Structure formats: C-alpha cells, structure tokens
Amino acid sequence: MDAIQQHMIDSCRAAQRGEAPPPPPGRHDWGVVREARDRRRFDAVIAGRPARRRRRTALRALFTRRHRTARPGASGPSGA
C-alpha cells in the first residue's frame, strides 16, 4: 500500500467518524527538511564546528586547489 492509498483509507475513516481529514501526503516534507538542516547545524555548534557553509567552503578549497595545480608552467596572463 502506498501513501495515497493509505491517505484515502484514513480520509474515509475520518469522514465516517466525523473527524477532520488528515493532511495529504507530502504536505509537510519541506518542514521536515528544514528541521533536519537545523538539527545538523545545532549538532555542529555543540561539537564546536562551524555551523554554516561547510560544504561550500570545502568544495571551493577543493576546486581552487585543483585549478592552481592544473597550470604549473604558466607564468602569468600572457603565458610568456
């Protein structure tokens, strides 16, 4: 049974009981993603690590290091 089928069963049951129907599947997905991100940042602060831009900083360091070593013989913009 997938999420849509379960939602349909729960909606039917709620209608029979006179209750409010449950929210549709996927409605709170972005909220869960935000909560997970906040939790990751909180854990980083507690551990004494930087809480923001760690991935971006690591990728920038990786690509700039690779870019510098790609042209070991270049002596400047003119290449002469």
N, C-alpha and C. Protein backbone atom coordinates (compact mmCIF):
# COMPACT_ATOMS: atom_id res chain seq x y z
N MET A 1 0.86 -1.17 0.00
CA MET A 1 0.00 0.00 0.00
C MET A 1 0.91 1.24 0.00
N ASP A 2 0.61 2.15 -0.89
CA ASP A 2 1.41 3.37 -0.95
C ASP A 2 0.76 4.49 -0.13
N ALA A 3 1.38 5.64 -0.13
CA ALA A 3 0.92 6.75 0.71
C ALA A 3 -0.45 7.27 0.29
N ILE A 4 -0.72 7.30 -1.00
CA ILE A 4 -2.02 7.80 -1.48
C ILE A 4 -3.15 6.88 -1.04
N GLN A 5 -2.94 5.57 -1.16
CA GLN A 5 -3.96 4.62 -0.73
C GLN A 5 -4.22 4.72 0.77
N GLN A 6 -3.14 4.85 1.55
CA GLN A 6 -3.31 5.00 2.99
C GLN A 6 -4.06 6.29 3.33
N HIS A 7 -3.76 7.35 2.60
CA HIS A 7 -4.45 8.62 2.83
C HIS A 7 -5.94 8.49 2.52
N MET A 8 -6.26 7.78 1.45
CA MET A 8 -7.67 7.60 1.10
C MET A 8 -8.41 6.80 2.18
N ILE A 9 -7.78 5.76 2.71
CA ILE A 9 -8.40 4.97 3.78
C ILE A 9 -8.58 5.82 5.04
N ASP A 10 -7.55 6.59 5.40
CA ASP A 10 -7.64 7.45 6.59
C ASP A 10 -8.70 8.54 6.41
N SER A 11 -8.83 9.08 5.19
CA SER A 11 -9.85 10.10 4.93
C SER A 11 -11.25 9.52 5.05
N CYS A 12 -11.45 8.32 4.54
CA CYS A 12 -12.74 7.65 4.63
C CYS A 12 -13.10 7.36 6.09
N ARG A 13 -12.14 6.87 6.84
CA ARG A 13 -12.36 6.59 8.26
C ARG A 13 -12.69 7.87 9.02
N ALA A 14 -11.98 8.97 8.72
CA ALA A 14 -12.25 10.24 9.40
C ALA A 14 -13.64 10.75 9.05
N ALA A 15 -14.07 10.57 7.80
CA ALA A 15 -15.41 11.02 7.39
C ALA A 15 -16.49 10.20 8.11
N GLN A 16 -16.27 8.92 8.29
CA GLN A 16 -17.24 8.07 8.99
C GLN A 16 -17.36 8.46 10.46
N ARG A 17 -16.24 8.89 11.04
CA ARG A 17 -16.24 9.25 12.46
C ARG A 17 -16.59 10.72 12.69
N GLY A 18 -16.69 11.49 11.63
CA GLY A 18 -16.99 12.90 11.76
C GLY A 18 -15.79 13.74 12.19
N GLU A 19 -14.60 13.26 11.90
CA GLU A 19 -13.36 13.96 12.26
C GLU A 19 -12.82 14.71 11.04
N ALA A 20 -11.85 15.54 11.28
CA ALA A 20 -11.18 16.26 10.19
C ALA A 20 -10.29 15.28 9.42
N PRO A 21 -10.23 15.43 8.10
CA PRO A 21 -9.38 14.52 7.33
C PRO A 21 -7.90 14.81 7.58
N PRO A 22 -7.05 13.81 7.42
CA PRO A 22 -5.62 14.03 7.62
C PRO A 22 -5.02 14.87 6.49
N PRO A 23 -3.87 15.50 6.71
CA PRO A 23 -3.25 16.27 5.62
C PRO A 23 -2.79 15.34 4.50
N PRO A 24 -2.78 15.83 3.28
CA PRO A 24 -2.35 14.98 2.16
C PRO A 24 -0.87 14.62 2.29
N PRO A 25 -0.47 13.49 1.72
CA PRO A 25 0.93 13.09 1.79
C PRO A 25 1.83 14.11 1.10
N GLY A 26 2.97 14.36 1.71
CA GLY A 26 3.94 15.29 1.15
C GLY A 26 3.72 16.74 1.55
N ARG A 27 2.69 17.00 2.31
CA ARG A 27 2.39 18.39 2.66
C ARG A 27 3.45 19.01 3.57
N HIS A 28 4.03 18.21 4.45
CA HIS A 28 4.99 18.73 5.43
C HIS A 28 6.44 18.35 5.09
N ASP A 29 6.69 17.95 3.87
CA ASP A 29 8.04 17.49 3.51
C ASP A 29 9.10 18.58 3.68
N TRP A 30 8.81 19.79 3.22
CA TRP A 30 9.81 20.85 3.31
C TRP A 30 10.06 21.24 4.76
N GLY A 31 9.05 21.16 5.59
CA GLY A 31 9.25 21.42 7.02
C GLY A 31 10.18 20.41 7.66
N VAL A 32 10.05 19.16 7.24
CA VAL A 32 10.94 18.12 7.76
C VAL A 32 12.38 18.37 7.29
N VAL A 33 12.55 18.78 6.06
CA VAL A 33 13.88 19.09 5.54
C VAL A 33 14.50 20.25 6.33
N ARG A 34 13.72 21.29 6.59
CA ARG A 34 14.23 22.42 7.37
C ARG A 34 14.61 21.99 8.78
N GLU A 35 13.79 21.15 9.41
CA GLU A 35 14.10 20.69 10.76
C GLU A 35 15.38 19.86 10.77
N ALA A 36 15.59 19.03 9.77
CA ALA A 36 16.81 18.23 9.68
C ALA A 36 18.02 19.14 9.51
N ARG A 37 17.91 20.17 8.68
CA ARG A 37 19.01 21.11 8.50
C ARG A 37 19.33 21.85 9.79
N ASP A 38 18.29 22.28 10.50
CA ASP A 38 18.51 22.97 11.76
C ASP A 38 19.17 22.06 12.79
N ARG A 39 18.75 20.80 12.80
CA ARG A 39 19.35 19.85 13.75
C ARG A 39 20.83 19.63 13.43
N ARG A 40 21.16 19.54 12.13
CA ARG A 40 22.56 19.37 11.73
C ARG A 40 23.39 20.57 12.15
N ARG A 41 22.84 21.76 11.99
CA ARG A 41 23.56 22.97 12.41
C ARG A 41 23.74 23.00 13.92
N PHE A 42 22.70 22.62 14.66
CA PHE A 42 22.77 22.60 16.11
C PHE A 42 23.85 21.62 16.58
N ASP A 43 23.87 20.42 15.99
CA ASP A 43 24.88 19.43 16.35
C ASP A 43 26.29 19.94 16.05
N ALA A 44 26.45 20.69 14.95
CA ALA A 44 27.76 21.24 14.61
C ALA A 44 28.21 22.26 15.64
N VAL A 45 27.29 23.10 16.10
CA VAL A 45 27.64 24.11 17.10
C VAL A 45 28.03 23.44 18.41
N ILE A 46 27.28 22.43 18.82
CA ILE A 46 27.58 21.72 20.06
C ILE A 46 28.95 21.05 19.97
N ALA A 47 29.30 20.53 18.80
CA ALA A 47 30.59 19.86 18.62
C ALA A 47 31.73 20.85 18.40
N GLY A 48 31.44 22.14 18.29
CA GLY A 48 32.49 23.14 18.11
C GLY A 48 32.93 23.32 16.68
N ARG A 49 32.13 22.88 15.72
CA ARG A 49 32.45 23.06 14.31
C ARG A 49 31.67 24.24 13.76
N PRO A 50 32.10 24.80 12.62
CA PRO A 50 31.31 25.87 12.01
C PRO A 50 29.95 25.34 11.60
N ALA A 51 28.93 26.13 11.82
CA ALA A 51 27.57 25.66 11.56
C ALA A 51 27.09 25.96 10.15
N ARG A 52 27.72 26.86 9.45
CA ARG A 52 27.23 27.25 8.13
C ARG A 52 28.34 27.18 7.10
N ARG A 53 27.92 26.89 5.88
CA ARG A 53 28.77 26.93 4.69
C ARG A 53 29.98 26.00 4.76
N ARG A 54 29.86 24.89 5.44
CA ARG A 54 30.98 23.96 5.49
C ARG A 54 31.18 23.26 4.16
N ARG A 55 30.08 22.85 3.53
CA ARG A 55 30.21 22.16 2.24
C ARG A 55 30.73 23.09 1.17
N ARG A 56 30.18 24.29 1.12
CA ARG A 56 30.59 25.25 0.10
C ARG A 56 32.07 25.60 0.26
N THR A 57 32.50 25.79 1.50
CA THR A 57 33.91 26.12 1.75
C THR A 57 34.81 24.95 1.35
N ALA A 58 34.41 23.73 1.67
CA ALA A 58 35.21 22.57 1.31
C ALA A 58 35.29 22.40 -0.21
N LEU A 59 34.16 22.59 -0.90
CA LEU A 59 34.18 22.48 -2.36
C LEU A 59 35.03 23.57 -3.00
N ARG A 60 34.92 24.78 -2.48
CA ARG A 60 35.73 25.87 -3.02
C ARG A 60 37.21 25.57 -2.84
N ALA A 61 37.60 25.07 -1.67
CA ALA A 61 39.01 24.74 -1.43
C ALA A 61 39.46 23.62 -2.36
N LEU A 62 38.61 22.64 -2.58
CA LEU A 62 38.96 21.54 -3.47
C LEU A 62 39.17 22.01 -4.90
N PHE A 63 38.24 22.82 -5.40
CA PHE A 63 38.33 23.26 -6.80
C PHE A 63 39.42 24.30 -7.00
N THR A 64 39.66 25.18 -6.05
CA THR A 64 40.73 26.16 -6.25
C THR A 64 42.09 25.49 -6.16
N ARG A 65 42.23 24.50 -5.33
CA ARG A 65 43.49 23.77 -5.25
C ARG A 65 43.75 23.05 -6.57
N ARG A 66 42.72 22.41 -7.13
CA ARG A 66 42.87 21.69 -8.39
C ARG A 66 43.17 22.68 -9.52
N HIS A 67 42.53 23.84 -9.49
CA HIS A 67 42.74 24.85 -10.53
C HIS A 67 44.17 25.36 -10.49
N ARG A 68 44.72 25.57 -9.32
CA ARG A 68 46.10 26.07 -9.20
C ARG A 68 47.11 25.06 -9.72
N THR A 69 46.89 23.78 -9.47
CA THR A 69 47.87 22.78 -9.88
C THR A 69 47.70 22.38 -11.35
N ALA A 70 46.63 22.83 -12.00
CA ALA A 70 46.38 22.45 -13.40
C ALA A 70 47.34 23.14 -14.35
N ARG A 71 47.87 24.31 -13.99
CA ARG A 71 48.77 25.04 -14.88
C ARG A 71 50.10 25.31 -14.17
N PRO A 72 50.94 24.30 -13.97
CA PRO A 72 52.17 24.55 -13.23
C PRO A 72 53.20 25.38 -14.00
N GLY A 73 53.15 25.39 -15.33
CA GLY A 73 54.16 26.12 -16.10
C GLY A 73 53.73 27.52 -16.51
N ALA A 74 52.51 27.93 -16.24
CA ALA A 74 52.04 29.24 -16.66
C ALA A 74 52.70 30.30 -15.79
N SER A 75 53.19 31.36 -16.43
CA SER A 75 53.89 32.39 -15.70
C SER A 75 53.09 33.67 -15.58
N GLY A 76 51.88 33.71 -16.09
CA GLY A 76 51.08 34.91 -15.99
C GLY A 76 49.95 34.87 -17.00
N PRO A 77 49.22 35.99 -17.12
CA PRO A 77 48.09 36.02 -18.03
C PRO A 77 48.49 35.87 -19.49
N SER A 78 49.67 36.34 -19.88
CA SER A 78 50.07 36.25 -21.27
C SER A 78 50.64 34.89 -21.61
N GLY A 79 51.10 34.15 -20.60
CA GLY A 79 51.65 32.80 -20.84
C GLY A 79 53.07 32.83 -21.38
N ALA A 80 53.73 34.00 -21.43
CA ALA A 80 55.09 34.08 -21.99
C ALA A 80 56.15 34.05 -20.94
